Amino acid sequence: MDPEELEARKYLGVKLSYGHNLDCIFSHSDDKLQNPTFVPLFDQLLDGVSFNQGTRKFRLNQPTNSNRVFILPKALSIAWVNDTRYWKWIIVTDNRNEVEAPQLIQVSWFDIHGSVKASWLSSRVVYLVAFLVMLTEDASGWNHHVNLTIKKPNGCTVETKVSLEGKPKGEFFEVWAGDFILDNCGCGDSGVVEFGMYEHGGHWKRGLIVKGVVIRSKASAGCPHETLSLVQGLNWLRPCNLGQRPQPAVHLLPQSKASAGCPQANV
């Protein structure tokens, strides 16, 4: 057997038994999976697999040994987004991809919500929810704090407030909603993680472009310029000892702490 094929087969086998739920996640993918040939399949997982008519993207993040999900605006619930008085759809470039993104004209009731299935995420990994947005040159009305929320399947809620005033204009940046941990995610887990970003103060807000929401390990790199980045080849994973179970590059809480109460938001 080809050495690279054997290497990928061993590594992917560990992934399948390590709680990544690849078998149930990919049962509804848009893309045809390169299975059972392990080298092309592993490369495909690093590149990303699309779901729901391309509005969600799943990637396997090897450095942190965790699942990573990117949700495009078409899969989010955005108040008034289809009313041309308040929003307009534009095309933004994301590396080699073009993404449809809503640009705020003006709105007083600013509200974005979304969700991700718990079974798509890795167990006992410290996850971060981040909204990827850009302020345009004529942006205004962001002197009031925006509210951010995360609700776990057990009803536990993380809430915080963030100011966008003073953020750089003309470039995408992450707005952190907070972090959380899930236990025992599996194919049979029907729970969802809900998240939101809103400001209902009644004053007019203008000039915001929404690129999407990323749910990633807190230990991984941010994605203002690498949201849908492509990683080629198996050389990227060689620093990991593929003959052993990979260890996540994150700080895991003891079982008693990881499963109890709400983790504090980190913004």
Protein backbone atom coordinates (compact mmCIF):
# COMPACT_ATOMS: atom_id res chain seq x y z
CA MET A 1 0.00 0.00 0.00
CA ASP A 2 1.22 3.49 -0.79
CA PRO A 3 2.85 5.04 2.34
CA GLU A 4 0.73 8.21 2.15
CA GLU A 5 -2.42 6.13 1.74
CA LEU A 6 -1.48 4.06 4.79
CA GLU A 7 -0.67 7.20 6.80
CA ALA A 8 -3.99 8.85 5.94
CA ARG A 9 -5.91 5.63 6.61
CA LYS A 10 -4.38 5.33 10.10
CA TYR A 11 -4.99 8.98 10.93
CA LEU A 12 -8.55 9.11 9.60
CA GLY A 13 -9.32 5.92 11.50
CA VAL A 14 -8.35 7.69 14.71
CA LYS A 15 -10.53 10.62 13.77
CA LEU A 16 -13.57 8.41 13.20
CA SER A 17 -13.20 6.86 16.64
CA TYR A 18 -12.39 10.12 18.41
CA GLY A 19 -15.87 11.63 18.45
CA HIS A 20 -15.85 13.64 15.24
CA ASN A 21 -19.09 11.97 14.05
CA LEU A 22 -17.98 12.05 10.44
CA ASP A 23 -20.30 9.25 9.42
CA CYS A 24 -23.51 11.02 10.48
CA ILE A 25 -22.34 14.56 9.64
CA PHE A 26 -21.56 13.69 6.04
CA SER A 27 -24.76 11.75 5.42
CA HIS A 28 -26.36 15.05 4.28
CA SER A 29 -23.41 16.80 2.61
CA ASP A 30 -23.71 18.65 -0.71
CA ASP A 31 -20.35 17.34 -1.89
CA LYS A 32 -19.63 13.84 -3.08
CA LEU A 33 -17.17 12.39 -0.58
CA GLN A 34 -13.91 10.81 -1.74
CA ASN A 35 -14.62 7.57 0.09
CA PRO A 36 -13.28 4.92 0.64
CA THR A 37 -10.00 6.27 -0.78
CA PHE A 38 -8.48 7.77 2.35
CA VAL A 39 -5.90 10.20 0.94
CA PRO A 40 -8.40 12.16 -1.22
CA LEU A 41 -10.99 11.98 1.57
CA PHE A 42 -8.56 13.35 4.16
CA ASP A 43 -7.54 16.18 1.82
CA GLN A 44 -11.23 16.90 1.24
CA LEU A 45 -11.88 17.17 4.99
CA LEU A 46 -9.01 19.66 5.37
CA ASP A 47 -10.35 21.67 2.43
CA GLY A 48 -13.92 21.67 3.70
CA VAL A 49 -17.23 20.00 2.86
CA SER A 50 -20.37 22.02 2.02
CA PHE A 51 -23.90 21.52 3.35
CA ASN A 52 -27.35 23.07 2.86
CA GLN A 53 -26.72 24.32 -0.67
CA GLY A 54 -23.33 25.69 0.25
CA THR A 55 -24.50 27.81 3.20
CA ARG A 56 -22.57 25.78 5.80
CA LYS A 57 -19.03 24.48 5.63
CA PHE A 58 -17.42 21.80 7.78
CA ARG A 59 -13.66 21.42 8.15
CA LEU A 60 -11.44 19.10 10.11
CA ASN A 61 -8.93 21.20 12.04
CA GLN A 62 -5.90 18.96 12.54
CA PRO A 63 -3.75 21.18 14.81
CA THR A 64 -6.49 21.29 17.48
CA ASN A 65 -7.97 17.86 16.67
CA SER A 66 -11.46 19.34 16.45
CA ASN A 67 -14.36 19.99 14.11
CA ARG A 68 -14.79 23.50 12.73
CA VAL A 69 -17.96 24.95 11.22
CA PHE A 70 -18.47 28.10 9.17
CA ILE A 71 -22.05 29.34 8.65
CA LEU A 72 -22.68 31.74 5.77
CA PRO A 73 -25.28 34.54 6.01
CA LYS A 74 -27.88 32.68 3.94
CA ALA A 75 -28.14 30.14 6.79
CA LEU A 76 -28.58 32.84 9.46
CA SER A 77 -31.79 34.51 10.59
CA ILE A 78 -31.28 38.25 10.03
CA ALA A 79 -34.15 40.63 10.76
CA TRP A 80 -35.33 42.55 7.66
CA VAL A 81 -32.54 41.09 5.51
CA ASN A 82 -34.79 40.66 2.45
CA ASP A 83 -36.25 44.17 2.71
CA THR A 84 -34.23 46.36 0.33
CA ARG A 85 -34.96 49.42 2.46
CA TYR A 86 -32.70 48.03 5.15
CA TRP A 87 -30.25 45.54 3.63
CA LYS A 88 -28.69 44.75 0.26
CA TRP A 89 -26.86 41.62 -0.86
CA ILE A 90 -23.34 42.01 -2.22
CA ILE A 91 -20.53 39.67 -3.25
CA VAL A 92 -17.35 39.54 -1.18
CA THR A 93 -14.26 37.56 -2.10
CA ASP A 94 -13.03 34.93 0.34
CA ASN A 95 -9.67 33.65 -0.91
CA ARG A 96 -10.68 31.79 -4.08
CA ASN A 97 -14.40 31.86 -3.22
CA GLU A 98 -17.14 34.42 -3.74
CA VAL A 99 -19.60 34.74 -0.86
CA GLU A 100 -23.00 36.44 -0.82
CA ALA A 101 -23.08 38.79 2.14
CA PRO A 102 -25.73 41.24 3.41
CA GLN A 103 -24.70 44.87 3.77
CA LEU A 104 -26.69 46.99 6.22
CA ILE A 105 -28.21 50.16 4.74
CA GLN A 106 -29.97 51.23 7.91
CA VAL A 107 -31.96 49.52 10.62
CA SER A 108 -33.06 50.26 14.18
CA TRP A 109 -33.89 46.64 15.13
CA PHE A 110 -30.58 44.85 14.52
CA ASP A 111 -30.92 41.11 15.09
CA ILE A 112 -28.93 38.09 13.84
CA HIS A 113 -29.45 34.56 15.13
CA GLY A 114 -28.34 31.10 14.11
CA SER A 115 -27.63 27.61 15.36
CA VAL A 116 -25.45 24.55 14.83
CA LYS A 117 -26.16 20.92 15.68
CA ALA A 118 -24.24 19.73 18.73
CA SER A 119 -23.38 16.53 16.85
CA TRP A 120 -21.27 18.60 14.42
CA LEU A 121 -18.89 19.64 17.21
CA SER A 122 -16.20 17.78 19.13
CA SER A 123 -16.67 16.76 22.75
CA ARG A 124 -14.74 18.49 25.54
CA VAL A 125 -13.17 21.12 23.31
CA VAL A 126 -13.32 24.80 24.31
CA TYR A 127 -15.26 26.30 21.40
CA LEU A 128 -15.51 29.94 20.41
CA VAL A 129 -18.42 31.50 18.49
CA ALA A 130 -17.34 34.49 16.42
CA PHE A 131 -19.30 36.73 14.05
CA LEU A 132 -17.22 37.81 11.06
CA VAL A 133 -18.18 41.38 10.10
CA MET A 134 -16.87 44.55 8.46
CA LEU A 135 -17.68 48.21 9.10
CA THR A 136 -17.95 50.28 5.92
CA GLU A 137 -16.43 53.75 5.65
CA ASP A 138 -19.84 55.37 6.23
CA ALA A 139 -20.77 53.16 9.20
CA SER A 140 -22.55 54.89 12.05
CA GLY A 141 -24.75 54.19 15.07
CA TRP A 142 -22.40 51.63 16.61
CA ASN A 143 -21.57 53.72 19.68
CA HIS A 144 -24.00 51.55 21.67
CA HIS A 145 -22.89 48.08 22.75
CA VAL A 146 -24.26 45.09 20.84
CA ASN A 147 -25.50 42.06 22.75
CA LEU A 148 -24.12 38.57 22.09
CA THR A 149 -25.53 35.28 23.34
CA ILE A 150 -24.76 31.57 23.25
CA LYS A 151 -27.29 28.98 24.41
CA LYS A 152 -26.17 25.39 24.96
CA PRO A 153 -28.49 22.39 24.45
CA ASN A 154 -29.01 22.14 28.22
CA GLY A 155 -30.38 25.70 28.31
CA CYS A 156 -27.24 27.22 29.82
CA THR A 157 -26.74 30.71 28.37
CA VAL A 158 -23.62 32.86 28.00
CA GLU A 159 -24.28 36.58 27.49
CA THR A 160 -21.95 39.50 26.90
CA LYS A 161 -21.82 43.00 25.38
CA VAL A 162 -19.26 44.31 22.91
CA SER A 163 -18.62 47.75 21.44
CA LEU A 164 -17.91 48.04 17.72
CA GLU A 165 -16.97 51.70 18.03
CA GLY A 166 -13.34 52.25 17.10
CA LYS A 167 -13.04 48.98 15.17
CA PRO A 168 -11.12 49.26 11.87
CA LYS A 169 -13.21 50.05 8.81
CA GLY A 170 -12.90 48.32 5.46
CA GLU A 171 -11.66 44.98 6.80
CA PHE A 172 -13.27 41.93 8.34
CA PHE A 173 -12.82 41.21 12.03
CA GLU A 174 -14.22 38.76 14.55
CA VAL A 175 -16.79 39.69 17.20
CA TRP A 176 -16.61 37.05 19.92
CA ALA A 177 -19.88 35.89 21.43
CA GLY A 178 -18.07 33.79 24.04
CA ASP A 179 -16.92 30.23 24.56
CA PHE A 180 -18.45 26.94 25.67
CA ILE A 181 -17.80 23.22 26.08
CA LEU A 182 -20.01 20.28 25.12
CA ASP A 183 -19.81 16.79 26.61
CA ASN A 184 -20.50 13.51 24.86
CA CYS A 185 -21.45 14.87 21.44
CA GLY A 186 -22.54 11.96 19.28
CA CYS A 187 -24.60 11.02 16.26
CA GLY A 188 -27.57 10.48 18.55
CA ASP A 189 -27.31 13.99 20.02
CA SER A 190 -30.29 16.00 18.78
CA GLY A 191 -29.38 19.17 20.67
CA VAL A 192 -28.38 22.47 19.10
CA VAL A 193 -26.16 25.37 20.09
CA GLU A 194 -27.90 28.69 19.46
CA PHE A 195 -26.15 32.06 19.13
CA GLY A 196 -27.12 35.63 18.47
CA MET A 197 -25.94 39.20 17.97
CA TYR A 198 -28.46 42.02 18.41
CA GLU A 199 -29.13 45.63 19.38
CA HIS A 200 -32.76 46.72 19.83
CA GLY A 201 -32.15 50.21 21.18
CA GLY A 202 -34.24 51.98 18.54
CA HIS A 203 -31.52 54.24 17.10
CA TRP A 204 -30.40 53.82 13.47
CA LYS A 205 -27.38 51.69 12.68
CA ARG A 206 -25.66 51.73 9.29
CA GLY A 207 -22.77 50.28 7.35
CA LEU A 208 -22.15 46.68 8.50
CA ILE A 209 -21.32 43.71 6.25
CA VAL A 210 -21.93 40.22 7.66
CA LYS A 211 -19.70 37.51 6.23
CA GLY A 212 -20.81 34.68 8.51
CA VAL A 213 -20.25 32.93 11.83
CA VAL A 214 -17.38 30.59 12.69
CA ILE A 215 -17.54 28.00 15.47
CA ARG A 216 -13.97 26.90 16.12
CA SER A 217 -11.67 25.69 18.83
CA LYS A 218 -10.54 28.61 20.96
CA ALA A 219 -6.97 27.36 20.52
CA SER A 220 -7.12 27.67 16.72
CA ALA A 221 -6.21 30.74 14.70
CA GLY A 222 -8.83 33.34 13.85
CA CYS A 223 -10.23 33.65 10.38
CA PRO A 224 -10.61 37.27 9.25
CA HIS A 225 -8.71 36.39 6.06
CA GLU A 226 -8.78 32.59 6.09
CA THR A 227 -12.41 31.66 6.62
CA LEU A 228 -12.53 29.10 3.82
CA SER A 229 -8.81 28.56 3.42
CA LEU A 230 -7.43 25.58 1.52
CA VAL A 231 -4.75 23.33 2.99
CA GLN A 232 -3.07 20.99 0.53
CA GLY A 233 -1.44 17.65 1.06
CA LEU A 234 -0.53 15.39 3.92
CA ASN A 235 2.72 17.16 4.78
CA TRP A 236 0.65 19.52 6.94
CA LEU A 237 -0.14 16.76 9.43
CA ARG A 238 3.31 15.14 9.68
CA PRO A 239 4.32 16.93 12.95
CA CYS A 240 1.65 14.86 14.72
CA ASN A 241 2.56 11.31 15.69
CA LEU A 242 0.02 9.52 13.51
CA GLY A 243 0.64 6.18 15.18
CA GLN A 244 -0.93 7.39 18.43
CA ARG A 245 -4.16 9.08 19.41
CA PRO A 246 -3.63 12.84 18.70
CA GLN A 247 -3.87 15.11 21.72
CA PRO A 248 -5.98 18.28 21.34
CA ALA A 249 -3.99 21.48 21.59
CA VAL A 250 -6.52 23.01 23.98
CA HIS A 251 -6.91 23.15 27.75
CA LEU A 252 -9.65 20.70 28.73
CA LEU A 253 -11.50 21.08 32.00
CA PRO A 254 -11.84 18.13 34.39
CA GLN A 255 -15.00 16.14 33.81
CA SER A 256 -16.74 17.55 36.87
CA LYS A 257 -16.15 21.14 35.75
CA ALA A 258 -16.63 20.69 32.02
CA SER A 259 -20.12 19.29 32.51
CA ALA A 260 -21.44 21.67 35.17
CA GLY A 261 -22.72 25.20 34.91
CA CYS A 262 -22.00 27.83 32.27
CA PRO A 263 -18.46 28.68 31.18
CA GLN A 264 -17.68 32.35 31.47
CA ALA A 265 -17.64 34.36 28.27
CA ASN A 266 -14.24 35.49 27.10
CA VAL A 267 -14.35 38.62 24.95
